PDB file of N, CA and C in Angstrom:
ATOM      1  N   MET A   1     -13.935   2.203  -4.206  1.00  0.00           N
ATOM      2  CA  MET A   1     -12.860   3.011  -4.722  1.00  0.00           C
ATOM      3  C   MET A   1     -11.986   3.468  -3.555  1.00  0.00           C
ATOM      4  N   LEU A   2     -10.691   3.503  -3.798  1.00  0.00           N
ATOM      5  CA  LEU A   2      -9.739   3.922  -2.780  1.00  0.00           C
ATOM      6  C   LEU A   2      -9.404   5.391  -3.024  1.00  0.00           C
ATOM      7  N   ASN A   3      -9.575   6.212  -1.988  1.00  0.00           N
ATOM      8  CA  ASN A   3      -9.452   7.652  -2.186  1.00  0.00           C
ATOM      9  C   ASN A   3      -8.168   8.264  -1.664  1.00  0.00           C
ATOM     10  N   THR A   4      -7.504   7.590  -0.734  1.00  0.00           N
ATOM     11  CA  THR A   4      -6.307   8.176  -0.135  1.00  0.00           C
ATOM     12  C   THR A   4      -5.156   7.178  -0.169  1.00  0.00           C
ATOM     13  N   VAL A   5      -3.960   7.702   0.031  1.00  0.00           N
ATOM     14  CA  VAL A   5      -2.783   6.846   0.121  1.00  0.00           C
ATOM     15  C   VAL A   5      -2.979   5.836   1.248  1.00  0.00           C
ATOM     16  N   GLU A   6      -3.508   6.306   2.365  1.00  0.00           N
ATOM     17  CA  GLU A   6      -3.725   5.425   3.511  1.00  0.00           C
ATOM     18  C   GLU A   6      -4.683   4.281   3.162  1.00  0.00           C
ATOM     19  N   ASP A   7      -5.707   4.555   2.357  1.00  0.00           N
ATOM     20  CA  ASP A   7      -6.631   3.495   1.935  1.00  0.00           C
ATOM     21  C   ASP A   7      -5.867   2.374   1.224  1.00  0.00           C
ATOM     22  N   PHE A   8      -4.978   2.758   0.312  1.00  0.00           N
ATOM     23  CA  PHE A   8      -4.184   1.760  -0.398  1.00  0.00           C
ATOM     24  C   PHE A   8      -3.275   1.010   0.571  1.00  0.00           C
ATOM     25  N   LEU A   9      -2.643   1.752   1.495  1.00  0.00           N
ATOM     26  CA  LEU A   9      -1.679   1.148   2.408  1.00  0.00           C
ATOM     27  C   LEU A   9      -2.324   0.238   3.444  1.00  0.00           C
ATOM     28  N   LYS A  10      -3.618   0.344   3.610  1.00  0.00           N
ATOM     29  CA  LYS A  10      -4.333  -0.537   4.538  1.00  0.00           C
ATOM     30  C   LYS A  10      -4.883  -1.781   3.847  1.00  0.00           C
ATOM     31  N   ASP A  11      -4.691  -1.874   2.559  1.00  0.00           N
ATOM     32  CA  ASP A  11      -5.217  -3.002   1.793  1.00  0.00           C
ATOM     33  C   ASP A  11      -4.137  -4.082   1.655  1.00  0.00           C
ATOM     34  N   ASP A  12      -4.376  -5.228   2.291  1.00  0.00           N
ATOM     35  CA  ASP A  12      -3.395  -6.318   2.272  1.00  0.00           C
ATOM     36  C   ASP A  12      -3.019  -6.747   0.862  1.00  0.00           C
ATOM     37  N   SER A  13      -3.986  -6.820  -0.020  1.00  0.00           N
ATOM     38  CA  SER A  13      -3.683  -7.285  -1.373  1.00  0.00           C
ATOM     39  C   SER A  13      -2.836  -6.263  -2.129  1.00  0.00           C
ATOM     40  N   PHE A  14      -3.038  -4.974  -1.853  1.00  0.00           N
ATOM     41  CA  PHE A  14      -2.204  -3.944  -2.481  1.00  0.00           C
ATOM     42  C   PHE A  14      -0.764  -4.060  -1.975  1.00  0.00           C
ATOM     43  N   ILE A  15      -0.615  -4.246  -0.675  1.00  0.00           N
ATOM     44  CA  ILE A  15       0.726  -4.380  -0.094  1.00  0.00           C
ATOM     45  C   ILE A  15       1.443  -5.577  -0.717  1.00  0.00           C
ATOM     46  N   ARG A  16       0.751  -6.702  -0.808  1.00  0.00           N
ATOM     47  CA  ARG A  16       1.356  -7.891  -1.427  1.00  0.00           C
ATOM     48  C   ARG A  16       1.696  -7.627  -2.890  1.00  0.00           C
ATOM     49  N   TYR A  17       0.796  -6.959  -3.605  1.00  0.00           N
ATOM     50  CA  TYR A  17       1.022  -6.638  -5.015  1.00  0.00           C
ATOM     51  C   TYR A  17       2.308  -5.827  -5.187  1.00  0.00           C
ATOM     52  N   VAL A  18       2.474  -4.808  -4.359  1.00  0.00           N
ATOM     53  CA  VAL A  18       3.636  -3.928  -4.491  1.00  0.00           C
ATOM     54  C   VAL A  18       4.922  -4.643  -4.078  1.00  0.00           C
ATOM     55  N   LEU A  19       4.869  -5.379  -2.992  1.00  0.00           N
ATOM     56  CA  LEU A  19       6.083  -5.983  -2.454  1.00  0.00           C
ATOM     57  C   LEU A  19       6.460  -7.308  -3.106  1.00  0.00           C
ATOM     58  N   ASP A  20       5.552  -7.903  -3.853  1.00  0.00           N
ATOM     59  CA  ASP A  20       5.830  -9.168  -4.534  1.00  0.00           C
ATOM     60  C   ASP A  20       6.608  -8.888  -5.811  1.00  0.00           C
ATOM     61  N   GLY A  21       7.811  -9.402  -5.877  1.00  0.00           N
ATOM     62  CA  GLY A  21       8.659  -9.154  -7.040  1.00  0.00           C
ATOM     63  C   GLY A  21       8.177  -9.841  -8.307  1.00  0.00           C
ATOM     64  N   SER A  22       7.381 -10.874  -8.182  1.00  0.00           N
ATOM     65  CA  SER A  22       6.929 -11.623  -9.356  1.00  0.00           C
ATOM     66  C   SER A  22       5.458 -11.334  -9.634  1.00  0.00           C
ATOM     67  N   LYS A  23       5.178 -10.101  -9.964  1.00  0.00           N
ATOM     68  CA  LYS A  23       3.788  -9.705 -10.223  1.00  0.00           C
ATOM     69  C   LYS A  23       3.251 -10.445 -11.449  1.00  0.00           C
ATOM     70  N   GLU A  24       2.117 -11.058 -11.266  1.00  0.00           N
ATOM     71  CA  GLU A  24       1.499 -11.738 -12.401  1.00  0.00           C
ATOM     72  C   GLU A  24       0.836 -10.709 -13.314  1.00  0.00           C
ATOM     73  N   LYS A  25       0.893 -10.982 -14.578  1.00  0.00           N
ATOM     74  CA  LYS A  25       0.293 -10.091 -15.565  1.00  0.00           C
ATOM     75  C   LYS A  25      -1.220 -10.055 -15.384  1.00  0.00           C
ATOM     76  N   ASP A  26      -1.790  -8.914 -15.606  1.00  0.00           N
ATOM     77  CA  ASP A  26      -3.240  -8.732 -15.512  1.00  0.00           C
ATOM     78  C   ASP A  26      -3.788  -9.047 -14.119  1.00  0.00           C
ATOM     79  N   SER A  27      -3.031  -8.681 -13.096  1.00  0.00           N
ATOM     80  CA  SER A  27      -3.529  -8.865 -11.735  1.00  0.00           C
ATOM     81  C   SER A  27      -4.691  -7.903 -11.500  1.00  0.00           C
ATOM     82  N   ASP A  28      -5.412  -8.123 -10.422  1.00  0.00           N
ATOM     83  CA  ASP A  28      -6.529  -7.236 -10.088  1.00  0.00           C
ATOM     84  C   ASP A  28      -6.062  -5.789  -9.969  1.00  0.00           C
ATOM     85  N   TRP A  29      -4.847  -5.569  -9.447  1.00  0.00           N
ATOM     86  CA  TRP A  29      -4.349  -4.201  -9.278  1.00  0.00           C
ATOM     87  C   TRP A  29      -3.958  -3.569 -10.609  1.00  0.00           C
ATOM     88  N   ASP A  30      -3.442  -4.363 -11.539  1.00  0.00           N
ATOM     89  CA  ASP A  30      -3.162  -3.832 -12.875  1.00  0.00           C
ATOM     90  C   ASP A  30      -4.465  -3.399 -13.544  1.00  0.00           C
ATOM     91  N   ILE A  31      -5.481  -4.211 -13.378  1.00  0.00           N
ATOM     92  CA  ILE A  31      -6.794  -3.899 -13.952  1.00  0.00           C
ATOM     93  C   ILE A  31      -7.371  -2.652 -13.287  1.00  0.00           C
ATOM     94  N   TYR A  32      -7.265  -2.567 -11.958  1.00  0.00           N
ATOM     95  CA  TYR A  32      -7.743  -1.387 -11.226  1.00  0.00           C
ATOM     96  C   TYR A  32      -7.045  -0.129 -11.748  1.00  0.00           C
ATOM     97  N   TYR A  33      -5.730  -0.216 -11.920  1.00  0.00           N
ATOM     98  CA  TYR A  33      -4.938   0.922 -12.393  1.00  0.00           C
ATOM     99  C   TYR A  33      -5.441   1.405 -13.756  1.00  0.00           C
ATOM    100  N   GLU A  34      -5.728   0.462 -14.630  1.00  0.00           N
ATOM    101  CA  GLU A  34      -6.216   0.819 -15.966  1.00  0.00           C
ATOM    102  C   GLU A  34      -7.632   1.396 -15.937  1.00  0.00           C
ATOM    103  N   LYS A  35      -8.487   0.856 -15.087  1.00  0.00           N
ATOM    104  CA  LYS A  35      -9.887   1.283 -15.054  1.00  0.00           C
ATOM    105  C   LYS A  35     -10.130   2.554 -14.248  1.00  0.00           C
ATOM    106  N   HIS A  36      -9.167   2.970 -13.436  1.00  0.00           N
ATOM    107  CA  HIS A  36      -9.349   4.134 -12.564  1.00  0.00           C
ATOM    108  C   HIS A  36      -8.218   5.146 -12.733  1.00  0.00           C
ATOM    109  N   PRO A  37      -8.159   5.795 -13.892  1.00  0.00           N
ATOM    110  CA  PRO A  37      -7.082   6.767 -14.112  1.00  0.00           C
ATOM    111  C   PRO A  37      -7.103   7.914 -13.094  1.00  0.00           C
ATOM    112  N   GLU A  38      -8.261   8.177 -12.514  1.00  0.00           N
ATOM    113  CA  GLU A  38      -8.371   9.252 -11.520  1.00  0.00           C
ATOM    114  C   GLU A  38      -7.636   8.907 -10.223  1.00  0.00           C
ATOM    115  N   ASP A  39      -7.333   7.636 -10.011  1.00  0.00           N
ATOM    116  CA  ASP A  39      -6.641   7.197  -8.794  1.00  0.00           C
ATOM    117  C   ASP A  39      -5.157   6.914  -9.011  1.00  0.00           C
ATOM    118  N   ARG A  40      -4.669   7.124 -10.210  1.00  0.00           N
ATOM    119  CA  ARG A  40      -3.289   6.729 -10.519  1.00  0.00           C
ATOM    120  C   ARG A  40      -2.248   7.469  -9.683  1.00  0.00           C
ATOM    121  N   ASP A  41      -2.429   8.759  -9.469  1.00  0.00           N
ATOM    122  CA  ASP A  41      -1.454   9.503  -8.665  1.00  0.00           C
ATOM    123  C   ASP A  41      -1.402   8.963  -7.242  1.00  0.00           C
ATOM    124  N   THR A  42      -2.565   8.708  -6.662  1.00  0.00           N
ATOM    125  CA  THR A  42      -2.632   8.176  -5.297  1.00  0.00           C
ATOM    126  C   THR A  42      -2.055   6.766  -5.255  1.00  0.00           C
ATOM    127  N   PHE A  43      -2.376   5.957  -6.251  1.00  0.00           N
ATOM    128  CA  PHE A  43      -1.851   4.594  -6.382  1.00  0.00           C
ATOM    129  C   PHE A  43      -0.326   4.621  -6.397  1.00  0.00           C
ATOM    130  N   GLU A  44       0.237   5.479  -7.237  1.00  0.00           N
ATOM    131  CA  GLU A  44       1.694   5.574  -7.371  1.00  0.00           C
ATOM    132  C   GLU A  44       2.339   6.100  -6.093  1.00  0.00           C
ATOM    133  N   GLU A  45       1.690   7.040  -5.434  1.00  0.00           N
ATOM    134  CA  GLU A  45       2.231   7.576  -4.183  1.00  0.00           C
ATOM    135  C   GLU A  45       2.259   6.495  -3.100  1.00  0.00           C
ATOM    136  N   ALA A  46       1.189   5.726  -2.997  1.00  0.00           N
ATOM    137  CA  ALA A  46       1.140   4.637  -2.013  1.00  0.00           C
ATOM    138  C   ALA A  46       2.200   3.585  -2.329  1.00  0.00           C
ATOM    139  N   LYS A  47       2.358   3.294  -3.586  1.00  0.00           N
ATOM    140  CA  LYS A  47       3.374   2.338  -4.014  1.00  0.00           C
ATOM    141  C   LYS A  47       4.770   2.842  -3.631  1.00  0.00           C
ATOM    142  N   ALA A  48       5.005   4.126  -3.845  1.00  0.00           N
ATOM    143  CA  ALA A  48       6.296   4.721  -3.504  1.00  0.00           C
ATOM    144  C   ALA A  48       6.562   4.668  -2.004  1.00  0.00           C
ATOM    145  N   VAL A  49       5.518   4.864  -1.207  1.00  0.00           N
ATOM    146  CA  VAL A  49       5.678   4.790   0.252  1.00  0.00           C
ATOM    147  C   VAL A  49       6.154   3.395   0.647  1.00  0.00           C
ATOM    148  N   LEU A  50       5.557   2.370   0.062  1.00  0.00           N
ATOM    149  CA  LEU A  50       5.935   0.999   0.402  1.00  0.00           C
ATOM    150  C   LEU A  50       7.341   0.649  -0.068  1.00  0.00           C
ATOM    151  N   LEU A  51       7.763   1.228  -1.170  1.00  0.00           N
ATOM    152  CA  LEU A  51       9.061   0.885  -1.745  1.00  0.00           C
ATOM    153  C   LEU A  51      10.185   1.820  -1.318  1.00  0.00           C
ATOM    154  N   ALA A  52       9.834   2.930  -0.683  1.00  0.00           N
ATOM    155  CA  ALA A  52      10.833   3.934  -0.308  1.00  0.00           C
ATOM    156  C   ALA A  52      11.721   3.437   0.823  1.00  0.00           C
ATOM    157  N   PRO A  53      13.018   3.726   0.707  1.00  0.00           N
ATOM    158  CA  PRO A  53      13.896   3.450   1.854  1.00  0.00           C
ATOM    159  C   PRO A  53      13.401   4.247   3.058  1.00  0.00           C
ATOM    160  N   SER A  54      13.598   3.725   4.227  1.00  0.00           N
ATOM    161  CA  SER A  54      13.036   4.350   5.428  1.00  0.00           C
ATOM    162  C   SER A  54      13.606   5.726   5.726  1.00  0.00           C
ATOM    163  N   ASP A  55      14.773   6.073   5.174  1.00  0.00           N
ATOM    164  CA  ASP A  55      15.342   7.380   5.464  1.00  0.00           C
ATOM    165  C   ASP A  55      14.830   8.475   4.533  1.00  0.00           C
ATOM    166  N   ILE A  56      13.969   8.130   3.600  1.00  0.00           N
ATOM    167  CA  ILE A  56      13.375   9.120   2.698  1.00  0.00           C
ATOM    168  C   ILE A  56      12.010   9.510   3.236  1.00  0.00           C
ATOM    169  N   ASP A  57      11.726  10.796   3.233  1.00  0.00           N
ATOM    170  CA  ASP A  57      10.447  11.288   3.745  1.00  0.00           C
ATOM    171  C   ASP A  57       9.329  10.897   2.791  1.00  0.00           C
ATOM    172  N   SER A  58       8.353  10.178   3.291  1.00  0.00           N
ATOM    173  CA  SER A  58       7.237   9.711   2.466  1.00  0.00           C
ATOM    174  C   SER A  58       6.147  10.756   2.321  1.00  0.00           C
ATOM    175  N   GLY A  59       6.243  11.839   3.080  1.00  0.00           N
ATOM    176  CA  GLY A  59       5.203  12.854   3.039  1.00  0.00           C
ATOM    177  C   GLY A  59       4.120  12.627   4.073  1.00  0.00           C
ATOM    178  N   LEU A  60       4.166  11.499   4.757  1.00  0.00           N
ATOM    179  CA  LEU A  60       3.180  11.230   5.797  1.00  0.00           C
ATOM    180  C   LEU A  60       3.640  11.874   7.104  1.00  0.00           C
ATOM    181  N   LEU A  61       2.702  12.316   7.889  1.00  0.00           N
ATOM    182  CA  LEU A  61       3.017  12.851   9.206  1.00  0.00           C
ATOM    183  C   LEU A  61       3.526  11.722  10.093  1.00  0.00           C
ATOM    184  N   LEU A  62       4.307  12.073  11.097  1.00  0.00           N
ATOM    185  CA  LEU A  62       4.840  11.071  12.009  1.00  0.00           C
ATOM    186  C   LEU A  62       3.720  10.243  12.633  1.00  0.00           C
ATOM    187  N   SER A  63       2.639  10.899  13.019  1.00  0.00           N
ATOM    188  CA  SER A  63       1.514  10.174  13.621  1.00  0.00           C
ATOM    189  C   SER A  63       0.890   9.203  12.620  1.00  0.00           C
ATOM    190  N   GLU A  64       0.827   9.593  11.345  1.00  0.00           N
ATOM    191  CA  GLU A  64       0.286   8.708  10.311  1.00  0.00           C
ATOM    192  C   GLU A  64       1.200   7.499  10.106  1.00  0.00           C
ATOM    193  N   LYS A  65       2.517   7.748  10.150  1.00  0.00           N
ATOM    194  CA  LYS A  65       3.471   6.649  10.014  1.00  0.00           C
ATOM    195  C   LYS A  65       3.325   5.672  11.177  1.00  0.00           C
ATOM    196  N   GLU A  66       3.186   6.209  12.380  1.00  0.00           N
ATOM    197  CA  GLU A  66       3.017   5.358  13.557  1.00  0.00           C
ATOM    198  C   GLU A  66       1.722   4.550  13.467  1.00  0.00           C
ATOM    199  N   ASP A  67       0.638   5.211  13.059  1.00  0.00           N
ATOM    200  CA  ASP A  67      -0.643   4.514  12.905  1.00  0.00           C
ATOM    201  C   ASP A  67      -0.525   3.388  11.882  1.00  0.00           C
ATOM    202  N   LEU A  68       0.116   3.678  10.763  1.00  0.00           N
ATOM    203  CA  LEU A  68       0.288   2.683   9.711  1.00  0.00           C
ATOM    204  C   LEU A  68       1.159   1.530  10.201  1.00  0.00           C
ATOM    205  N   LYS A  69       2.244   1.852  10.864  1.00  0.00           N
ATOM    206  CA  LYS A  69       3.130   0.818  11.409  1.00  0.00           C
ATOM    207  C   LYS A  69       2.369  -0.082  12.380  1.00  0.00           C
ATOM    208  N   ASN A  70       1.615   0.523  13.279  1.00  0.00           N
ATOM    209  CA  ASN A  70       0.847  -0.253  14.252  1.00  0.00           C
ATOM    210  C   ASN A  70      -0.185  -1.138  13.569  1.00  0.00           C
ATOM    211  N   TRP A  71      -0.854  -0.597  12.552  1.00  0.00           N
ATOM    212  CA  TRP A  71      -1.851  -1.373  11.822  1.00  0.00           C
ATOM    213  C   TRP A  71      -1.200  -2.581  11.145  1.00  0.00           C
ATOM    214  N   ILE A  72      -0.043  -2.370  10.515  1.00  0.00           N
ATOM    215  CA  ILE A  72       0.658  -3.463   9.835  1.00  0.00           C
ATOM    216  C   ILE A  72       1.081  -4.524  10.848  1.00  0.00           C
ATOM    217  N   LEU A  73       1.655  -4.084  11.965  1.00  0.00           N
ATOM    218  CA  LEU A  73       2.098  -5.036  12.985  1.00  0.00           C
ATOM    219  C   LEU A  73       0.929  -5.825  13.564  1.00  0.00           C
ATOM    220  N   GLU A  74      -0.194  -5.158  13.812  1.00  0.00           N
ATOM    221  CA  GLU A  74      -1.377  -5.847  14.322  1.00  0.00           C
ATOM    222  C   GLU A  74      -1.901  -6.856  13.304  1.00  0.00           C
ATOM    223  N   SER A  75      -1.871  -6.487  12.029  1.00  0.00           N
ATOM    224  CA  SER A  75      -2.335  -7.393  10.976  1.00  0.00           C
ATOM    225  C   SER A  75      -1.465  -8.639  10.912  1.00  0.00           C
ATOM    226  N   ILE A  76      -0.172  -8.441  11.015  1.00  0.00           N
ATOM    227  CA  ILE A  76       0.754  -9.571  10.974  1.00  0.00           C
ATOM    228  C   ILE A  76       0.531 -10.462  12.190  1.00  0.00           C
ATOM    229  N   GLU A  77       0.361  -9.847  13.334  1.00  0.00           N
ATOM    230  CA  GLU A  77       0.142 -10.587  14.574  1.00  0.00           C
ATOM    231  C   GLU A  77      -1.117 -11.446  14.487  1.00  0.00           C
ATOM    232  N   VAL A  78      -2.193 -10.877  13.982  1.00  0.00           N
ATOM    233  CA  VAL A  78      -3.458 -11.608  13.854  1.00  0.00           C
ATOM    234  C   VAL A  78      -3.289 -12.781  12.898  1.00  0.00           C
ATOM    235  N   LYS A  79      -2.601 -12.572  11.787  1.00  0.00           N
ATOM    236  CA  LYS A  79      -2.431 -13.632  10.793  1.00  0.00           C
ATOM    237  C   LYS A  79      -1.569 -14.768  11.319  1.00  0.00           C
ATOM    238  N   THR A  80      -0.585 -14.458  12.149  1.00  0.00           N
ATOM    239  CA  THR A  80       0.269 -15.519  12.675  1.00  0.00           C
ATOM    240  C   THR A  80      -0.427 -16.327  13.757  1.00  0.00           C
ATOM    241  N   GLU A  81      -1.469 -15.772  14.352  1.00  0.00           N
ATOM    242  CA  GLU A  81      -2.231 -16.489  15.371  1.00  0.00           C
ATOM    243  C   GLU A  81      -3.192 -17.501  14.762  1.00  0.00           C
ATOM    244  N   ILE A  82      -3.541 -17.301  13.513  1.00  0.00           N
ATOM    245  CA  ILE A  82      -4.531 -18.168  12.846  1.00  0.00           C
ATOM    246  C   ILE A  82      -3.921 -19.490  12.475  1.00  0.00           C
TER     247      ILE A  82
END
């Protein structure tokens, strides 16, 4: 179970789910959303962070934003090396 916005934002499949414009019906994330109503607020907040224009405050601390940015960049770097 994912407990924080950061947990969702560190999940590659969640990032792809949110940023992919052609979401397939009944994806694993749609199923997760339905089966875990207790996580819906966090799910929606994480989704909003990914979709928010950069000039809107996401509610994350600057250090959290930097950590997240670094994690994403490192993930991309590792994947391009493979």
